[in-house]
Amino acid sequence: VRSRNLRLTALRAFLKFAARRDVSSFYVIERALGVPMKRFERPILGFLSREEMLAVLGQPGDTWTSQRDHLLLAMLYNTGARVSEIIGVKVGDVVMDESPCVHLRGKGRKQRTTPLWKSTVQEIRAWLGRNPTLVADAALLPNREGHAIDTKDNFEFERQIEFSRSNSLIDMRRKR
């Protein structure tokens, strides 16, 4: 259905061009433009249950990158933000006072503040405790050189996410 609609869209664009060039065939072109697009049902997007998401998060490994990536996944799950928003968070953007929150900068320079759960705040505190050199201007989740994760690192992270970190078996195929 979708490929049919795409072809029909291309044909309509050409017919509109032809109608401006050859006015004498306008009636035939108008009839061809009257062919309706075929409707189709959009599938409802699936999601992971809380238990499945906790299984995906699992426990962080012993390595520095494993702990960083675990915090990244936890913040993504907590805030619902894009990866690009989370990797742009600086240490100073995280408020851990009586009402913990994180300041995010999204697409189009949009700024928003999202509350943080107690568990996420505990993980951030533990991360900052393990990395005392991180200052307010530094990226909360830096790369190995201490700089903000760039687009290439972001792509590598997305490519390497493994859902086999937990002991429980999650049937991810049914979530598609």
N, C-alpha and C. Protein backbone atom coordinates (compact mmCIF):
# COMPACT_ATOMS: atom_id res chain seq x y z
N VAL A 1 0.83 -1.19 0.00
CA VAL A 1 0.00 0.00 0.00
C VAL A 1 0.87 1.25 0.00
N ARG A 2 1.92 1.26 0.83
CA ARG A 2 2.76 2.45 0.92
C ARG A 2 3.52 2.69 -0.37
N SER A 3 4.04 1.61 -0.99
CA SER A 3 4.78 1.81 -2.24
C SER A 3 3.83 2.27 -3.35
N ARG A 4 2.58 1.80 -3.30
CA ARG A 4 1.58 2.25 -4.27
C ARG A 4 1.33 3.75 -4.10
N ASN A 5 1.19 4.20 -2.86
CA ASN A 5 0.95 5.62 -2.61
C ASN A 5 2.16 6.47 -3.00
N LEU A 6 3.36 5.95 -2.80
CA LEU A 6 4.55 6.69 -3.22
C LEU A 6 4.60 6.85 -4.74
N ARG A 7 4.28 5.78 -5.45
CA ARG A 7 4.26 5.87 -6.92
C ARG A 7 3.16 6.84 -7.38
N LEU A 8 2.02 6.79 -6.71
CA LEU A 8 0.93 7.69 -7.06
C LEU A 8 1.31 9.14 -6.80
N THR A 9 2.05 9.40 -5.75
CA THR A 9 2.52 10.75 -5.45
C THR A 9 3.45 11.25 -6.54
N ALA A 10 4.37 10.39 -6.98
CA ALA A 10 5.29 10.77 -8.07
C ALA A 10 4.52 11.03 -9.35
N LEU A 11 3.55 10.18 -9.65
CA LEU A 11 2.74 10.35 -10.86
C LEU A 11 1.94 11.65 -10.80
N ARG A 12 1.38 11.96 -9.64
CA ARG A 12 0.63 13.21 -9.48
C ARG A 12 1.52 14.43 -9.71
N ALA A 13 2.73 14.40 -9.19
CA ALA A 13 3.65 15.52 -9.40
C ALA A 13 3.92 15.72 -10.89
N PHE A 14 4.13 14.61 -11.59
CA PHE A 14 4.38 14.72 -13.04
C PHE A 14 3.14 15.22 -13.76
N LEU A 15 1.97 14.72 -13.41
CA LEU A 15 0.74 15.15 -14.08
C LEU A 15 0.45 16.63 -13.85
N LYS A 16 0.75 17.14 -12.66
CA LYS A 16 0.57 18.57 -12.40
C LYS A 16 1.50 19.39 -13.27
N PHE A 17 2.72 18.91 -13.44
CA PHE A 17 3.67 19.57 -14.34
C PHE A 17 3.15 19.54 -15.77
N ALA A 18 2.64 18.37 -16.20
CA ALA A 18 2.15 18.21 -17.57
C ALA A 18 0.92 19.09 -17.80
N ALA A 19 0.08 19.26 -16.82
CA ALA A 19 -1.13 20.07 -16.97
C ALA A 19 -0.77 21.52 -17.24
N ARG A 20 0.31 22.00 -16.67
CA ARG A 20 0.73 23.38 -16.95
C ARG A 20 1.33 23.53 -18.33
N ARG A 21 1.94 22.44 -18.83
CA ARG A 21 2.58 22.49 -20.14
C ARG A 21 1.59 22.31 -21.29
N ASP A 22 0.61 21.41 -21.10
CA ASP A 22 -0.32 21.08 -22.17
C ASP A 22 -1.75 21.25 -21.66
N VAL A 23 -2.30 22.42 -21.89
CA VAL A 23 -3.63 22.74 -21.39
C VAL A 23 -4.71 21.93 -22.11
N SER A 24 -4.45 21.51 -23.33
CA SER A 24 -5.47 20.77 -24.10
C SER A 24 -5.78 19.41 -23.48
N SER A 25 -4.84 18.79 -22.76
CA SER A 25 -5.09 17.49 -22.14
C SER A 25 -5.47 17.63 -20.67
N PHE A 26 -5.90 18.79 -20.27
CA PHE A 26 -6.22 19.06 -18.87
C PHE A 26 -7.32 18.14 -18.35
N TYR A 27 -8.33 17.83 -19.17
CA TYR A 27 -9.44 16.98 -18.73
C TYR A 27 -8.95 15.59 -18.36
N VAL A 28 -8.10 15.01 -19.19
CA VAL A 28 -7.59 13.66 -18.93
C VAL A 28 -6.70 13.66 -17.68
N ILE A 29 -5.89 14.70 -17.56
CA ILE A 29 -4.99 14.80 -16.40
C ILE A 29 -5.79 14.99 -15.12
N GLU A 30 -6.86 15.76 -15.20
CA GLU A 30 -7.71 15.99 -14.03
C GLU A 30 -8.34 14.69 -13.56
N ARG A 31 -8.77 13.84 -14.51
CA ARG A 31 -9.35 12.54 -14.14
C ARG A 31 -8.30 11.65 -13.48
N ALA A 32 -7.07 11.68 -13.99
CA ALA A 32 -6.00 10.87 -13.41
C ALA A 32 -5.64 11.36 -12.01
N LEU A 33 -5.70 12.67 -11.81
CA LEU A 33 -5.41 13.23 -10.48
C LEU A 33 -6.51 12.89 -9.47
N GLY A 34 -7.66 12.47 -9.95
CA GLY A 34 -8.78 12.14 -9.07
C GLY A 34 -8.65 10.77 -8.41
N VAL A 35 -7.65 9.98 -8.79
CA VAL A 35 -7.46 8.67 -8.17
C VAL A 35 -7.04 8.88 -6.72
N PRO A 36 -7.81 8.35 -5.77
CA PRO A 36 -7.49 8.61 -4.35
C PRO A 36 -6.32 7.78 -3.85
N MET A 37 -5.68 8.29 -2.83
CA MET A 37 -4.63 7.53 -2.14
C MET A 37 -5.29 6.40 -1.37
N LYS A 38 -4.62 5.28 -1.28
CA LYS A 38 -5.17 4.16 -0.54
C LYS A 38 -4.84 4.33 0.94
N ARG A 39 -5.84 4.17 1.79
CA ARG A 39 -5.64 4.31 3.23
C ARG A 39 -5.10 3.01 3.80
N PHE A 40 -4.33 3.14 4.88
CA PHE A 40 -3.80 1.96 5.54
C PHE A 40 -3.70 2.25 7.03
N GLU A 41 -3.71 1.18 7.80
CA GLU A 41 -3.61 1.29 9.25
C GLU A 41 -2.16 1.45 9.66
N ARG A 42 -1.90 2.43 10.50
CA ARG A 42 -0.55 2.57 11.06
C ARG A 42 -0.47 1.70 12.30
N PRO A 43 0.59 0.86 12.38
CA PRO A 43 0.69 0.00 13.56
C PRO A 43 0.99 0.82 14.81
N ILE A 44 0.44 0.37 15.92
CA ILE A 44 0.69 1.03 17.20
C ILE A 44 2.11 0.67 17.64
N LEU A 45 2.85 1.67 18.05
CA LEU A 45 4.21 1.42 18.48
C LEU A 45 4.22 0.63 19.79
N GLY A 46 5.08 -0.35 19.84
CA GLY A 46 5.21 -1.15 21.05
C GLY A 46 6.13 -0.46 22.05
N PHE A 47 6.14 -0.96 23.24
CA PHE A 47 7.02 -0.41 24.27
C PHE A 47 7.38 -1.53 25.23
N LEU A 48 8.44 -1.28 25.99
CA LEU A 48 8.87 -2.25 26.99
C LEU A 48 8.16 -2.00 28.30
N SER A 49 7.82 -3.08 28.99
CA SER A 49 7.25 -2.93 30.32
C SER A 49 8.36 -2.50 31.28
N ARG A 50 7.98 -2.12 32.48
CA ARG A 50 8.98 -1.70 33.47
C ARG A 50 9.97 -2.82 33.77
N GLU A 51 9.46 -4.04 33.93
CA GLU A 51 10.33 -5.17 34.23
C GLU A 51 11.30 -5.43 33.09
N GLU A 52 10.80 -5.34 31.85
CA GLU A 52 11.68 -5.55 30.70
C GLU A 52 12.74 -4.46 30.60
N MET A 53 12.35 -3.22 30.88
CA MET A 53 13.32 -2.13 30.82
C MET A 53 14.37 -2.28 31.91
N LEU A 54 13.95 -2.69 33.09
CA LEU A 54 14.93 -2.92 34.16
C LEU A 54 15.86 -4.07 33.80
N ALA A 55 15.36 -5.07 33.09
CA ALA A 55 16.21 -6.16 32.64
C ALA A 55 17.21 -5.67 31.60
N VAL A 56 16.79 -4.77 30.73
CA VAL A 56 17.69 -4.20 29.73
C VAL A 56 18.77 -3.38 30.42
N LEU A 57 18.36 -2.57 31.39
CA LEU A 57 19.33 -1.75 32.13
C LEU A 57 20.31 -2.64 32.88
N GLY A 58 19.80 -3.67 33.53
CA GLY A 58 20.66 -4.58 34.27
C GLY A 58 21.55 -3.86 35.27
N GLN A 59 22.68 -4.44 35.56
CA GLN A 59 23.66 -3.84 36.45
C GLN A 59 24.85 -3.39 35.61
N PRO A 60 25.43 -2.24 35.95
CA PRO A 60 26.58 -1.79 35.16
C PRO A 60 27.77 -2.71 35.39
N GLY A 61 28.60 -2.82 34.35
CA GLY A 61 29.80 -3.62 34.47
C GLY A 61 30.86 -2.89 35.28
N ASP A 62 32.05 -3.45 35.31
CA ASP A 62 33.13 -2.86 36.09
C ASP A 62 33.89 -1.78 35.34
N THR A 63 33.77 -1.75 34.01
CA THR A 63 34.55 -0.79 33.23
C THR A 63 33.93 0.60 33.29
N TRP A 64 34.75 1.59 33.04
CA TRP A 64 34.31 2.99 33.06
C TRP A 64 33.24 3.24 32.00
N THR A 65 33.46 2.72 30.78
CA THR A 65 32.48 2.94 29.71
C THR A 65 31.17 2.23 30.00
N SER A 66 31.24 1.07 30.61
CA SER A 66 30.02 0.34 30.95
C SER A 66 29.19 1.13 31.96
N GLN A 67 29.85 1.73 32.94
CA GLN A 67 29.15 2.52 33.94
C GLN A 67 28.57 3.79 33.32
N ARG A 68 29.33 4.42 32.41
CA ARG A 68 28.82 5.61 31.72
C ARG A 68 27.60 5.27 30.88
N ASP A 69 27.70 4.18 30.11
CA ASP A 69 26.59 3.79 29.24
C ASP A 69 25.36 3.39 30.05
N HIS A 70 25.57 2.78 31.22
CA HIS A 70 24.45 2.42 32.09
C HIS A 70 23.73 3.68 32.57
N LEU A 71 24.51 4.70 32.97
CA LEU A 71 23.90 5.96 33.39
C LEU A 71 23.17 6.62 32.22
N LEU A 72 23.75 6.53 31.04
CA LEU A 72 23.10 7.09 29.85
C LEU A 72 21.75 6.43 29.60
N LEU A 73 21.71 5.10 29.65
CA LEU A 73 20.45 4.38 29.46
C LEU A 73 19.44 4.72 30.55
N ALA A 74 19.91 4.81 31.80
CA ALA A 74 19.01 5.15 32.91
C ALA A 74 18.42 6.54 32.73
N MET A 75 19.25 7.50 32.28
CA MET A 75 18.74 8.86 32.07
C MET A 75 17.78 8.91 30.88
N LEU A 76 18.07 8.14 29.83
CA LEU A 76 17.15 8.08 28.70
C LEU A 76 15.79 7.54 29.14
N TYR A 77 15.81 6.48 29.94
CA TYR A 77 14.57 5.87 30.42
C TYR A 77 13.82 6.81 31.35
N ASN A 78 14.54 7.50 32.22
CA ASN A 78 13.94 8.41 33.19
C ASN A 78 13.33 9.63 32.50
N THR A 79 14.05 10.25 31.59
CA THR A 79 13.62 11.53 31.02
C THR A 79 12.82 11.41 29.74
N GLY A 80 12.99 10.33 29.00
CA GLY A 80 12.34 10.22 27.70
C GLY A 80 12.98 11.12 26.66
N ALA A 81 14.20 11.56 26.91
CA ALA A 81 14.89 12.48 26.02
C ALA A 81 15.56 11.74 24.87
N ARG A 82 15.94 12.48 23.85
CA ARG A 82 16.72 11.94 22.75
C ARG A 82 18.15 11.70 23.24
N VAL A 83 18.86 10.80 22.55
CA VAL A 83 20.25 10.53 22.89
C VAL A 83 21.05 11.82 22.76
N SER A 84 20.79 12.60 21.72
CA SER A 84 21.54 13.84 21.51
C SER A 84 21.32 14.83 22.65
N GLU A 85 20.14 14.82 23.26
CA GLU A 85 19.87 15.70 24.39
C GLU A 85 20.65 15.27 25.62
N ILE A 86 20.70 13.96 25.87
CA ILE A 86 21.38 13.45 27.06
C ILE A 86 22.89 13.61 26.94
N ILE A 87 23.45 13.34 25.76
CA ILE A 87 24.90 13.47 25.65
C ILE A 87 25.35 14.93 25.68
N GLY A 88 24.41 15.86 25.53
CA GLY A 88 24.73 17.27 25.63
C GLY A 88 24.62 17.84 27.03
N VAL A 89 24.20 17.03 27.99
CA VAL A 89 24.03 17.50 29.37
C VAL A 89 25.39 17.73 30.01
N LYS A 90 25.53 18.87 30.64
CA LYS A 90 26.75 19.19 31.39
C LYS A 90 26.48 18.93 32.88
N VAL A 91 27.54 18.81 33.65
CA VAL A 91 27.39 18.53 35.09
C VAL A 91 26.54 19.62 35.74
N GLY A 92 26.71 20.87 35.32
CA GLY A 92 25.96 21.97 35.89
C GLY A 92 24.48 21.97 35.53
N ASP A 93 24.09 21.18 34.52
CA ASP A 93 22.68 21.09 34.12
C ASP A 93 21.87 20.18 35.03
N VAL A 94 22.55 19.41 35.86
CA VAL A 94 21.87 18.48 36.75
C VAL A 94 21.71 19.12 38.12
N VAL A 95 20.46 19.23 38.56
CA VAL A 95 20.16 19.80 39.88
C VAL A 95 19.77 18.64 40.79
N MET A 96 20.50 18.48 41.91
CA MET A 96 20.22 17.36 42.80
C MET A 96 19.82 17.83 44.19
N ASP A 97 19.14 18.96 44.27
CA ASP A 97 18.67 19.49 45.55
C ASP A 97 17.41 18.76 45.98
N GLU A 98 16.51 19.47 46.65
CA GLU A 98 15.28 18.83 47.13
C GLU A 98 14.33 18.42 46.01
N SER A 99 14.37 19.10 44.87
CA SER A 99 13.57 18.66 43.71
C SER A 99 14.52 18.45 42.53
N PRO A 100 15.10 17.24 42.43
CA PRO A 100 16.11 16.97 41.41
C PRO A 100 15.54 17.02 40.00
N CYS A 101 16.31 17.61 39.10
CA CYS A 101 15.89 17.72 37.71
C CYS A 101 17.12 17.87 36.83
N VAL A 102 16.90 17.78 35.53
CA VAL A 102 17.98 17.97 34.56
C VAL A 102 17.47 18.95 33.50
N HIS A 103 18.32 19.89 33.10
CA HIS A 103 17.99 20.86 32.06
C HIS A 103 18.49 20.31 30.73
N LEU A 104 17.58 20.15 29.78
CA LEU A 104 17.91 19.58 28.48
C LEU A 104 17.81 20.63 27.39
N ARG A 105 18.68 20.52 26.40
CA ARG A 105 18.61 21.36 25.21
C ARG A 105 18.36 20.45 24.02
N GLY A 106 17.22 20.65 23.37
CA GLY A 106 16.83 19.76 22.29
C GLY A 106 16.98 20.39 20.92
N LYS A 107 16.27 19.81 19.98
CA LYS A 107 16.31 20.31 18.61
C LYS A 107 15.77 21.73 18.55
N GLY A 108 16.35 22.54 17.70
CA GLY A 108 15.88 23.90 17.54
C GLY A 108 16.10 24.76 18.76
N ARG A 109 17.12 24.44 19.54
CA ARG A 109 17.47 25.19 20.75
C ARG A 109 16.35 25.22 21.79
N LYS A 110 15.46 24.25 21.73
CA LYS A 110 14.39 24.18 22.73
C LYS A 110 15.00 23.72 24.05
N GLN A 111 14.59 24.37 25.12
CA GLN A 111 15.08 24.01 26.44
C GLN A 111 13.91 23.52 27.28
N ARG A 112 14.17 22.48 28.06
CA ARG A 112 13.14 21.97 28.96
C ARG A 112 13.81 21.39 30.19
N THR A 113 13.04 21.28 31.22
CA THR A 113 13.52 20.72 32.48
C THR A 113 12.70 19.48 32.78
N THR A 114 13.38 18.40 33.12
CA THR A 114 12.72 17.13 33.39
C THR A 114 13.09 16.66 34.79
N PRO A 115 12.11 16.24 35.58
CA PRO A 115 12.43 15.73 36.93
C PRO A 115 13.18 14.41 36.86
N LEU A 116 13.96 14.14 37.88
CA LEU A 116 14.73 12.90 37.97
C LEU A 116 14.22 12.04 39.12
N TRP A 117 14.22 10.73 38.90
CA TRP A 117 13.82 9.81 39.95
C TRP A 117 14.94 9.69 40.98
N LYS A 118 14.60 9.21 42.16
CA LYS A 118 15.60 9.02 43.21
C LYS A 118 16.69 8.06 42.76
N SER A 119 16.29 6.99 42.07
CA SER A 119 17.28 6.00 41.63
C SER A 119 18.27 6.62 40.63
N THR A 120 17.76 7.48 39.76
CA THR A 120 18.64 8.13 38.78
C THR A 120 19.58 9.11 39.48
N VAL A 121 19.07 9.83 40.46
CA VAL A 121 19.91 10.77 41.22
C VAL A 121 21.01 10.00 41.95
N GLN A 122 20.68 8.84 42.51
CA GLN A 122 21.69 8.03 43.19
C GLN A 122 22.78 7.58 42.20
N GLU A 123 22.37 7.20 40.99
CA GLU A 123 23.35 6.78 39.99
C GLU A 123 24.23 7.95 39.56
N ILE A 124 23.63 9.14 39.41
CA ILE A 124 24.42 10.32 39.03
C ILE A 124 25.41 10.66 40.14
N ARG A 125 24.97 10.61 41.39
CA ARG A 125 25.88 10.88 42.51
C ARG A 125 27.03 9.87 42.54
N ALA A 126 26.72 8.60 42.32
CA ALA A 126 27.76 7.57 42.30
C ALA A 126 28.73 7.83 41.14
N TRP A 127 28.20 8.22 39.98
CA TRP A 127 29.03 8.51 38.81
C TRP A 127 29.97 9.69 39.09
N LEU A 128 29.41 10.75 39.68
CA LEU A 128 30.23 11.91 40.00
C LEU A 128 31.25 11.58 41.08
N GLY A 129 30.91 10.68 42.00
CA GLY A 129 31.86 10.24 43.02
C GLY A 129 33.03 9.47 42.43
N ARG A 130 32.75 8.68 41.38
CA ARG A 130 33.82 7.93 40.71
C ARG A 130 34.64 8.81 39.78
N ASN A 131 34.09 9.97 39.41
CA ASN A 131 34.77 10.88 38.48
C ASN A 131 34.84 12.28 39.09
N PRO A 132 35.67 12.47 40.10
CA PRO A 132 35.72 13.76 40.79
C PRO A 132 36.28 14.90 39.94
N THR A 133 36.90 14.58 38.80
CA THR A 133 37.48 15.64 37.95
C THR A 133 36.43 16.36 37.11
N LEU A 134 35.20 15.83 37.08
CA LEU A 134 34.16 16.47 36.29
C LEU A 134 33.71 17.76 36.97
N VAL A 135 33.84 18.88 36.25
CA VAL A 135 33.44 20.19 36.79
C VAL A 135 32.12 20.60 36.15
N ALA A 136 31.56 21.73 36.59
CA ALA A 136 30.23 22.17 36.14
C ALA A 136 30.15 22.36 34.62
N ASP A 137 31.23 22.79 33.99
CA ASP A 137 31.21 23.02 32.54
C ASP A 137 31.46 21.76 31.73
N ALA A 138 31.89 20.69 32.38
CA ALA A 138 32.24 19.46 31.68
C ALA A 138 30.98 18.66 31.34
N ALA A 139 31.09 17.82 30.32
CA ALA A 139 29.99 16.94 29.95
C ALA A 139 29.77 15.91 31.05
N LEU A 140 28.53 15.65 31.39
CA LEU A 140 28.22 14.67 32.42
C LEU A 140 28.66 13.28 31.98
N LEU A 141 28.49 12.98 30.69
CA LEU A 141 28.84 11.68 30.14
C LEU A 141 29.90 11.87 29.06
N PRO A 142 31.16 12.03 29.44
CA PRO A 142 32.20 12.31 28.46
C PRO A 142 32.67 11.05 27.73
N ASN A 143 33.43 11.29 26.64
CA ASN A 143 34.08 10.17 25.98
C ASN A 143 35.39 9.86 26.71
N ARG A 144 36.20 8.98 26.16
CA ARG A 144 37.43 8.57 26.85
C ARG A 144 38.42 9.71 27.04
N GLU A 145 38.37 10.71 26.13
CA GLU A 145 39.29 11.84 26.24
C GLU A 145 38.77 12.92 27.18
N GLY A 146 37.57 12.76 27.71
CA GLY A 146 37.01 13.73 28.63
C GLY A 146 36.17 14.80 27.96
N HIS A 147 35.98 14.70 26.65
CA HIS A 147 35.16 15.66 25.91
C HIS A 147 33.74 15.13 25.77
N ALA A 148 32.85 16.00 25.34
CA ALA A 148 31.46 15.57 25.12
C ALA A 148 31.43 14.52 24.02
N ILE A 149 30.53 13.56 24.16
CA ILE A 149 30.37 12.53 23.14
C ILE A 149 29.90 13.20 21.86
N ASP A 150 30.57 12.93 20.73
CA ASP A 150 30.16 13.55 19.47
C ASP A 150 29.26 12.61 18.70
N THR A 151 28.88 13.01 17.50
CA THR A 151 27.93 12.25 16.70
C THR A 151 28.45 10.86 16.38
N LYS A 152 29.74 10.74 16.11
CA LYS A 152 30.31 9.43 15.80
C LYS A 152 30.22 8.51 17.01
N ASP A 153 30.55 9.05 18.19
CA ASP A 153 30.45 8.25 19.42
C ASP A 153 29.00 7.87 19.68
N ASN A 154 28.08 8.80 19.40
CA ASN A 154 26.65 8.55 19.58
C ASN A 154 26.23 7.39 18.70
N PHE A 155 26.68 7.39 17.44
CA PHE A 155 26.34 6.31 16.51
C PHE A 155 26.91 4.99 17.00
N GLU A 156 28.16 5.01 17.47
CA GLU A 156 28.79 3.80 17.98
C GLU A 156 28.00 3.26 19.18
N PHE A 157 27.56 4.16 20.06
CA PHE A 157 26.80 3.73 21.23
C PHE A 157 25.50 3.06 20.79
N GLU A 158 24.77 3.69 19.88
CA GLU A 158 23.50 3.13 19.45
C GLU A 158 23.70 1.78 18.76
N ARG A 159 24.82 1.64 18.05
CA ARG A 159 25.10 0.41 17.32
C ARG A 159 25.47 -0.71 18.28
N GLN A 160 26.07 -0.40 19.41
CA GLN A 160 26.59 -1.42 20.30
C GLN A 160 25.68 -1.76 21.48
N ILE A 161 24.51 -1.13 21.57
CA ILE A 161 23.61 -1.46 22.69
C ILE A 161 23.22 -2.93 22.59
N GLU A 162 23.39 -3.63 23.67
CA GLU A 162 23.02 -5.04 23.69
C GLU A 162 21.89 -5.24 24.69
N PHE A 163 20.93 -6.03 24.26
CA PHE A 163 19.81 -6.32 25.15
C PHE A 163 20.01 -7.64 25.88
N SER A 164 21.19 -8.20 25.76
CA SER A 164 21.45 -9.48 26.41
C SER A 164 22.16 -9.30 27.74
N ARG A 165 22.03 -8.13 28.37
CA ARG A 165 22.73 -7.85 29.62
C ARG A 165 22.06 -8.52 30.81
N SER A 166 20.82 -8.91 30.66
CA SER A 166 20.12 -9.47 31.82
C SER A 166 20.11 -10.99 31.76
N ASN A 167 19.81 -11.60 32.87
CA ASN A 167 19.72 -13.06 32.92
C ASN A 167 18.38 -13.54 32.39
N SER A 168 17.36 -12.67 32.49
CA SER A 168 16.04 -13.07 32.01
C SER A 168 15.97 -12.88 30.50
N LEU A 169 15.23 -13.75 29.85
CA LEU A 169 15.11 -13.70 28.41
C LEU A 169 13.91 -12.83 28.03
N ILE A 170 14.19 -11.79 27.24
CA ILE A 170 13.12 -10.90 26.79
C ILE A 170 12.91 -11.18 25.30
N ASP A 171 11.70 -11.44 24.94
CA ASP A 171 11.42 -11.68 23.53
C ASP A 171 11.21 -10.33 22.85
N MET A 172 12.30 -9.76 22.33
CA MET A 172 12.24 -8.43 21.71
C MET A 172 11.52 -8.47 20.36
N ARG A 173 11.44 -9.67 19.76
CA ARG A 173 10.81 -9.74 18.44
C ARG A 173 9.33 -9.36 18.51
N ARG A 174 8.67 -9.66 19.59
CA ARG A 174 7.24 -9.33 19.69
C ARG A 174 7.03 -7.84 19.95
N LYS A 175 8.09 -7.10 20.26
CA LYS A 175 7.97 -5.68 20.54
C LYS A 175 8.05 -4.85 19.28
N ARG A 176 8.35 -5.44 18.16
CA ARG A 176 8.48 -4.68 16.90
C ARG A 176 7.17 -4.31 16.32
